[in-house]
Protein backbone atom coordinates (compact mmCIF):
# COMPACT_ATOMS: atom_id res chain seq x y z
CA MET A 1 107.20 117.50 100.64
CA THR A 2 106.80 116.25 96.87
CA SER A 3 105.74 118.20 93.93
CA ALA A 4 102.28 116.96 93.56
CA GLN A 5 101.83 117.49 97.35
CA ARG A 6 103.21 121.21 96.81
CA ARG A 7 99.69 121.70 94.31
CA VAL A 8 97.11 120.58 97.17
CA PRO A 9 96.01 123.86 98.81
CA ALA A 10 97.45 124.85 101.94
CA SER A 11 94.43 125.02 103.93
CA MET A 12 94.12 121.32 102.72
CA ARG A 13 97.50 120.08 103.51
CA TRP A 14 96.67 119.04 107.03
CA LEU A 15 94.62 116.17 105.78
CA ALA A 16 97.99 114.44 104.63
CA ALA A 17 98.58 113.35 107.97
CA LEU A 18 95.63 111.24 107.80
CA HIS A 19 97.77 108.49 105.51
CA GLN A 20 101.08 110.10 106.36
CA ALA A 21 100.78 110.89 110.41
CA GLU A 22 104.95 112.02 110.56
CA VAL A 23 104.03 115.24 108.98
CA VAL A 24 102.18 116.46 112.32
CA LEU A 25 105.61 116.87 114.14
CA ALA A 26 106.01 119.55 112.36
CA TRP A 27 103.15 121.89 113.43
CA SER A 28 103.24 124.52 115.75
CA LEU A 29 100.70 124.78 118.66
CA PRO A 30 98.63 127.77 116.46
CA GLU A 31 98.44 124.93 113.81
CA TRP A 32 97.19 122.17 116.11
CA GLN A 33 94.70 124.79 117.49
CA ARG A 34 93.37 124.91 113.69
CA VAL A 35 93.56 121.18 112.99
CA LEU A 36 91.66 120.16 116.25
CA ARG A 37 89.10 122.49 115.87
CA LEU A 38 88.61 121.96 112.30
CA SER A 39 88.96 118.08 112.16
CA ARG A 40 86.48 118.05 114.98
CA ARG A 41 84.00 119.75 112.93
CA LEU A 42 84.33 117.83 110.21
CA ARG A 43 84.03 114.35 112.12
CA LEU A 44 87.78 113.39 111.30
CA LEU A 45 89.52 114.07 114.50
CA GLY A 46 89.32 110.25 115.42
CA ARG A 47 90.60 109.54 112.48
CA LEU A 48 93.60 112.07 112.94
CA ALA A 49 94.21 110.41 116.38
CA GLU A 50 94.26 106.87 115.53
CA GLN A 51 96.94 107.39 112.92
CA VAL A 52 98.78 109.75 115.14
CA GLU A 53 98.46 106.51 118.06
CA ALA A 54 99.38 103.91 115.28
CA ALA A 55 102.61 105.51 114.31
CA GLY A 56 103.36 105.81 118.25
CA LEU A 57 103.84 109.75 118.06
CA MET A 58 101.43 110.49 120.78
CA ASP A 59 104.44 110.76 123.28
CA ARG A 60 106.07 113.32 121.09
CA LEU A 61 103.32 116.04 120.74
CA PRO A 62 102.67 119.24 123.06
CA PRO A 63 100.96 118.20 126.10
CA PRO A 64 98.08 120.46 125.03
CA VAL A 65 97.37 118.42 121.86
CA VAL A 66 97.61 114.88 123.50
CA ASN A 67 94.33 115.22 125.89
CA PRO A 68 91.88 116.02 122.83
CA LEU A 69 93.54 113.47 120.48
CA ARG A 70 93.15 110.48 123.80
CA ALA A 71 89.82 111.91 124.44
CA GLU A 72 88.76 111.66 120.91
CA LEU A 73 90.24 107.96 120.27
CA GLN A 74 88.08 106.77 123.46
CA PHE A 75 85.01 108.38 121.96
CA SER A 76 85.22 106.94 118.13
CA ARG A 77 86.34 103.41 119.61
CA TRP A 78 83.03 103.71 121.96
CA ARG A 79 80.80 105.00 119.07
CA THR A 80 82.34 102.03 116.92
CA ASN A 81 81.71 99.49 119.57
CA GLN A 82 77.88 100.76 119.60
CA MET A 83 77.46 100.12 116.07
CA ARG A 84 79.04 96.30 116.18
CA TRP A 85 76.75 96.07 119.07
CA THR A 86 73.85 97.05 116.85
CA VAL A 87 74.78 94.74 113.62
CA GLU A 88 75.07 91.80 116.19
CA ARG A 89 71.41 92.73 117.80
CA VAL A 90 70.20 93.03 113.45
CA SER A 91 72.11 89.58 112.93
CA ALA A 92 70.24 87.85 115.88
CA THR A 93 66.79 89.56 114.20
CA LEU A 94 67.60 88.48 110.69
CA SER A 95 69.66 85.28 111.48
CA ASP A 96 67.68 82.54 109.08
CA VAL A 97 66.75 84.92 106.18
CA THR A 98 68.05 83.19 103.01
CA HIS A 99 68.66 86.56 101.04
CA PRO A 100 71.75 88.87 100.91
CA LEU A 101 72.47 91.08 103.68
CA VAL A 102 74.64 94.02 103.26
CA LEU A 103 76.27 96.66 105.19
CA LEU A 104 76.76 99.79 103.30
CA LYS A 105 79.21 102.74 103.84
CA GLY A 106 80.96 102.72 107.91
CA ALA A 107 79.59 99.94 108.39
CA ALA A 108 81.11 97.98 105.39
CA TYR A 109 84.57 99.36 106.29
CA ALA A 110 84.00 98.08 109.76
CA GLY A 111 82.84 94.85 108.62
CA LEU A 112 85.95 94.35 106.39
CA GLY A 113 88.29 95.60 108.60
CA LEU A 114 89.49 98.41 106.39
CA PRO A 115 91.79 100.99 107.87
CA ILE A 116 89.23 104.42 107.24
CA ALA A 117 86.97 102.26 109.67
CA ARG A 118 89.60 103.50 112.34
CA GLY A 119 88.44 106.86 114.05
CA ARG A 120 84.94 107.15 112.80
CA LEU A 121 82.02 108.50 114.36
CA PRO A 122 78.91 106.23 113.34
CA SER A 123 75.22 107.76 114.20
CA ASP A 124 73.54 105.50 112.13
CA LEU A 125 73.87 101.92 110.50
CA ASP A 126 73.17 101.53 106.87
CA ILE A 127 72.46 98.22 105.41
CA LEU A 128 70.70 97.12 102.27
CA VAL A 129 68.27 94.16 101.46
CA PRO A 130 66.71 92.95 97.85
CA GLN A 131 63.81 94.85 97.37
CA ALA A 132 61.45 91.70 97.10
CA HIS A 133 62.43 91.04 100.73
CA LEU A 134 61.86 94.62 102.20
CA ALA A 135 58.73 94.40 103.46
CA GLU A 136 59.36 91.10 105.19
CA VAL A 137 62.78 92.50 106.52
CA GLN A 138 60.45 95.78 107.75
CA ALA A 139 58.35 93.45 109.71
CA ARG A 140 61.38 91.29 111.51
CA LEU A 141 62.76 94.34 112.78
CA VAL A 142 59.44 96.00 113.78
CA ALA A 143 58.62 92.80 115.74
CA ALA A 144 62.31 92.91 117.35
CA GLY A 145 61.36 96.74 118.66
CA TRP A 146 62.66 98.62 116.18
CA VAL A 147 59.89 101.77 115.43
CA GLU A 148 59.60 103.51 112.25
CA ALA A 149 58.95 107.55 112.39
CA GLU A 150 55.55 108.80 112.25
CA LEU A 151 54.66 109.56 108.65
CA ASP A 152 51.52 111.06 106.76
CA ALA A 153 50.12 109.34 103.92
CA HIS A 154 52.33 111.55 101.35
CA ASP A 155 55.32 110.81 103.37
CA GLN A 156 54.46 106.89 103.61
CA ARG A 157 53.72 107.02 99.51
CA TYR A 158 57.49 108.70 98.96
CA TYR A 159 59.11 106.00 101.05
CA ARG A 160 57.04 103.44 99.71
CA GLU A 161 57.45 104.34 95.66
CA TRP A 162 60.18 107.02 95.23
CA SER A 163 62.42 106.40 97.56
CA HIS A 164 65.64 103.73 97.75
CA GLU A 165 64.94 103.41 101.19
CA VAL A 166 62.25 103.24 104.46
CA PRO A 167 61.63 105.34 106.68
CA PRO A 168 64.47 105.66 109.28
CA MET A 169 64.07 103.07 112.53
CA ARG A 170 64.89 103.68 115.93
CA HIS A 171 65.06 101.14 119.16
CA PRO A 172 64.35 102.06 122.55
CA VAL A 173 67.61 100.04 123.35
CA LEU A 174 69.83 100.28 120.64
CA PRO A 175 71.72 103.43 120.40
CA LEU A 176 72.18 104.02 116.78
CA GLU A 177 69.32 104.37 113.72
CA LEU A 178 68.75 101.97 111.03
CA ASP A 179 68.52 102.82 107.64
CA LEU A 180 66.74 100.07 105.73
CA HIS A 181 67.84 100.28 101.76
CA HIS A 182 67.03 98.29 98.55
CA ASN A 183 69.17 100.55 96.59
CA ILE A 184 71.64 103.21 96.17
CA LEU A 185 69.40 105.84 94.57
CA PRO A 186 66.19 106.49 94.06
CA PRO A 187 64.15 104.32 91.45
CA VAL A 188 62.85 107.70 90.12
CA ALA A 189 65.89 109.88 90.21
CA ARG A 190 67.17 111.65 86.98
CA VAL A 191 70.01 109.02 87.49
CA SER A 192 69.11 105.48 88.87
CA VAL A 193 70.93 102.38 89.56
CA PRO A 194 69.54 98.86 89.24
CA ALA A 195 70.21 96.82 92.31
CA ALA A 196 70.69 93.53 90.61
CA PRO A 197 74.39 94.33 89.25
CA LEU A 198 75.12 95.45 92.69
CA LEU A 199 73.79 92.36 94.30
CA ALA A 200 75.04 90.14 91.74
CA ARG A 201 78.80 91.10 92.86
CA LEU A 202 78.76 91.05 96.70
CA GLN A 203 81.75 90.13 98.84
CA PRO A 204 81.81 88.39 102.02
CA SER A 205 82.75 90.74 105.11
CA LYS A 206 84.48 89.54 108.40
CA TRP A 207 81.00 89.93 110.28
CA GLN A 208 78.99 86.29 109.84
CA GLY A 209 75.96 86.60 107.64
CA TRP A 210 76.62 89.94 106.22
CA GLN A 211 78.09 90.92 102.99
CA VAL A 212 79.20 94.36 101.39
CA LEU A 213 79.39 95.75 98.09
CA HIS A 214 82.41 95.25 95.52
CA PRO A 215 85.23 97.60 95.96
CA ALA A 216 84.15 99.27 93.16
CA ASP A 217 80.90 99.62 93.95
CA GLN A 218 82.01 100.67 97.39
CA LEU A 219 83.99 103.85 96.00
CA LEU A 220 80.98 104.54 93.48
CA HIS A 221 78.55 104.29 96.48
CA SER A 222 80.52 106.88 98.43
CA ALA A 223 80.96 109.11 95.24
CA VAL A 224 76.89 109.09 94.92
CA HIS A 225 76.27 109.57 98.63
CA LEU A 226 78.20 112.70 98.25
CA PHE A 227 77.00 114.25 95.05
CA HIS A 228 73.94 113.35 94.73
CA ASP A 229 73.10 114.45 98.18
CA SER A 230 71.08 117.81 99.66
CA GLU A 231 73.59 119.00 102.12
CA ALA A 232 77.10 119.11 100.92
CA ARG A 233 79.14 121.65 103.89
CA ASP A 234 81.42 119.83 105.82
CA ARG A 235 81.43 116.78 104.15
CA LEU A 236 85.26 116.60 103.42
CA ARG A 237 84.79 112.99 105.64
CA ASP A 238 83.10 111.64 102.30
CA LEU A 239 86.35 112.60 100.23
CA VAL A 240 88.46 111.39 102.95
CA ASP A 241 86.67 107.85 102.71
CA MET A 242 87.01 108.01 99.35
CA ASP A 243 90.71 108.34 99.38
CA GLY A 244 91.00 105.60 102.12
CA LEU A 245 89.47 103.00 99.59
CA VAL A 246 91.64 104.19 96.67
CA ARG A 247 94.67 103.83 99.02
CA HIS A 248 93.21 100.25 100.13
CA PHE A 249 91.69 98.64 97.15
CA GLY A 250 94.38 100.15 93.94
CA PRO A 251 96.91 98.05 95.29
CA THR A 252 95.24 94.97 96.45
CA VAL A 253 92.42 94.30 94.19
CA PRO A 254 93.83 92.94 90.71
CA ASP A 255 92.65 95.42 87.96
CA PHE A 256 91.10 97.80 90.21
CA TRP A 257 91.31 100.41 88.02
CA PRO A 258 90.04 99.36 84.61
CA ALA A 259 86.99 97.28 86.56
CA LEU A 260 86.18 100.95 88.31
CA LEU A 261 85.89 102.63 84.90
CA SER A 262 84.26 99.92 83.11
CA ARG A 263 81.47 99.72 86.51
CA ALA A 264 81.02 103.59 86.24
CA GLN A 265 80.03 103.48 82.55
CA GLU A 266 77.96 100.56 83.52
CA LEU A 267 76.30 102.03 85.99
CA LYS A 268 75.78 105.71 84.10
CA LEU A 269 77.91 107.21 87.43
CA SER A 270 81.15 108.23 85.19
CA GLU A 271 80.47 111.61 86.11
CA ASP A 272 80.56 110.85 89.89
CA LEU A 273 83.81 109.55 89.76
CA ALA A 274 85.34 111.98 87.56
CA LEU A 275 84.08 114.64 90.06
CA ALA A 276 85.19 112.48 92.85
CA CYS A 277 88.73 111.59 91.49
CA HIS A 278 89.44 115.68 90.51
CA PHE A 279 88.99 116.49 94.39
CA LEU A 280 90.90 113.50 95.38
CA GLN A 281 93.95 114.38 93.50
CA ALA A 282 93.59 118.31 93.66
CA TRP A 283 92.90 118.17 97.76
CA LEU A 284 93.96 114.96 99.16
CA ASP A 285 97.07 113.70 96.37
CA THR A 286 95.29 110.47 96.24
CA PRO A 287 97.14 108.15 93.95
CA ILE A 288 95.32 107.93 91.14
CA PRO A 289 97.14 106.41 87.77
CA GLU A 290 97.82 108.85 84.63
CA ALA A 291 95.54 106.71 82.55
CA VAL A 292 92.59 106.74 84.80
CA GLY A 293 92.78 110.68 85.14
CA ALA A 294 93.31 111.26 81.46
CA THR A 295 90.20 108.86 80.63
CA LEU A 296 88.07 110.72 83.27
CA ALA A 297 88.78 113.92 81.76
CA GLN A 298 88.06 113.02 78.17
CA GLY A 299 84.56 111.84 79.14
CA ARG A 300 83.83 114.60 80.88
CA ARG A 301 81.11 116.76 79.81
CA SER A 302 81.01 120.56 79.19
CA ARG A 303 78.88 121.21 82.18
CA HIS A 304 82.17 120.30 84.17
CA ARG A 305 83.20 123.79 83.74
CA TRP A 306 80.90 124.71 86.02
CA LEU A 307 79.87 121.63 88.35
CA LEU A 308 83.84 121.60 89.39
CA PRO A 309 83.79 125.37 90.81
CA LEU A 310 80.55 124.76 92.40
CA TRP A 311 81.57 122.11 94.28
CA ALA A 312 84.88 123.27 95.40
CA THR A 313 83.15 126.35 96.72
CA VAL A 314 80.71 124.25 98.83
CA LEU A 315 83.06 121.39 99.88
CA HIS A 316 85.87 123.93 100.80
CA PRO A 317 85.27 123.57 104.69
CA THR A 318 84.92 127.03 106.56
CA GLU A 319 87.67 128.22 108.93
CA PRO A 320 87.20 128.12 112.64
CA ASP A 321 85.59 131.27 113.73
CA ARG A 322 84.16 132.12 110.63
CA GLU A 323 81.02 131.98 108.92
CA PRO A 324 80.01 130.77 105.20
CA GLY A 325 80.59 133.26 103.07
CA LEU A 326 77.93 134.54 100.53
CA GLY A 327 79.39 132.73 97.72
CA GLN A 328 79.62 129.42 99.56
CA SER A 329 75.65 129.69 100.36
CA LEU A 330 74.72 130.80 97.08
CA ALA A 331 76.84 127.40 95.73
CA ALA A 332 75.62 125.41 98.56
CA GLY A 333 71.65 126.81 97.45
CA VAL A 334 72.55 125.65 93.77
CA VAL A 335 73.57 122.20 94.90
CA LEU A 336 70.33 122.03 97.08
CA VAL A 337 68.04 122.83 93.93
CA ARG A 338 70.33 120.23 91.66
CA HIS A 339 69.57 117.84 94.41
CA HIS A 340 65.87 118.16 94.01
CA LEU A 341 65.62 118.20 90.21
CA GLY A 342 68.07 115.14 89.90
CA ARG A 343 66.08 113.26 92.71
CA MET A 344 62.61 113.15 91.27
CA PRO A 345 60.76 114.21 87.58
CA LEU A 346 58.89 117.55 88.13
CA ARG A 347 55.33 115.93 88.37
CA LEU A 348 56.24 114.67 91.55
CA LEU A 349 58.89 116.91 92.64
CA ILE A 350 56.61 120.17 92.74
CA PRO A 351 53.59 118.36 94.78
CA HIS A 352 56.29 116.93 97.14
CA LEU A 353 58.00 120.09 97.89
CA PHE A 354 54.38 122.09 98.08
CA HIS A 355 53.74 119.56 101.01
CA LYS A 356 56.53 119.63 102.67
CA ALA A 357 56.42 123.30 102.96
CA ARG A 358 53.03 123.13 104.04
CA ALA A 359 54.13 120.49 106.54
CA GLN A 360 56.79 122.74 107.99
CA ARG A 361 54.49 125.64 108.13
CA ALA A 362 52.28 123.70 110.09
CA LYS A 363 55.07 122.56 112.45
CA ALA A 364 55.95 125.69 113.03
CA ALA A 365 52.55 127.08 113.79
CA GLN A 366 52.44 124.35 116.39
CA ALA A 367 55.62 125.00 118.24
CA LEU A 368 54.79 128.72 118.34
CA ILE A 369 51.21 128.01 119.92
CA ALA A 370 53.14 125.72 122.34
CA ASP A 371 55.61 128.63 123.45
CA THR A 372 52.47 130.90 123.61
CA PRO A 373 51.65 131.82 127.50
CA SER A 374 48.38 130.86 128.65
CA ASP A 375 46.10 133.59 130.24
CA ASP A 376 45.83 131.65 133.29
């Protein structure tokens, strides 16, 4: 164990197996029991199984461990095939468009054949198109059988004017939900990102007709996806994704780190990058150059003094058989408030939250009526 690895909290050291599978050979059966249960809940068991399989260690593990690992291998590969099939059908629907079609997040990792794509459990397909072509793409997808969620007038306006994506779409035959984006953050958010710079640096994927974001933009998007979301519990997988991106792109993309720092500053995402790099180094021993860490540390705002412990509390996974503590619940509440305040200005946020609360009360009342026995 290196001196850097010794600084990683003991509860997080099992994550080293996701890029150094040999460490699993030293685990006892009680340690395996903890890791199997924890990684399954965190949606990381498939990643662990793929690493063990690739290292040729499966036959050297205790028999009670092998079966759940092999089962997760089959399940994750089946889910990945489902995503590939969904991409192929969407490709057929949009085959003659002349504007970019961009894979995001897990679909992008699979489309590039990145190591972190192996073992994922995709539940949706995220794609991005230029906003000017959004309505055209929606119409084509609807004509091909995709169905948007039923929304009232307020929610339709929310997606049309204030969101960075359209309502989720489902297909009666295809297995994954489709999330169609025109940006990575809402246009009315406190921190917003213009789509034009993202579209200007697209790169081809290995899947015909599809492109992906620039490597630096992929890492920034992953950070945005984590630190601007409303629910951060059990989201360690996002950090694992970023660790995988760094370990792959850092050595293979020329000037990756200077380009990443410059891009984060250009898009006003330096705070998100600094938060990500802090936890990557502290919890996953991610190889980040000292100069990069120093640059990000110098640029940290004073509020990082409370953001870092806040996110550390929320992101730290709860152990099996334990409930989240009061501190974590309170921290998750603060993250939720921060999410709402950053997502929309107050003049839009207050009516929006009032509408959502009223809709939830109406839904609960309808459910109560439906469950009430009749007199007949």
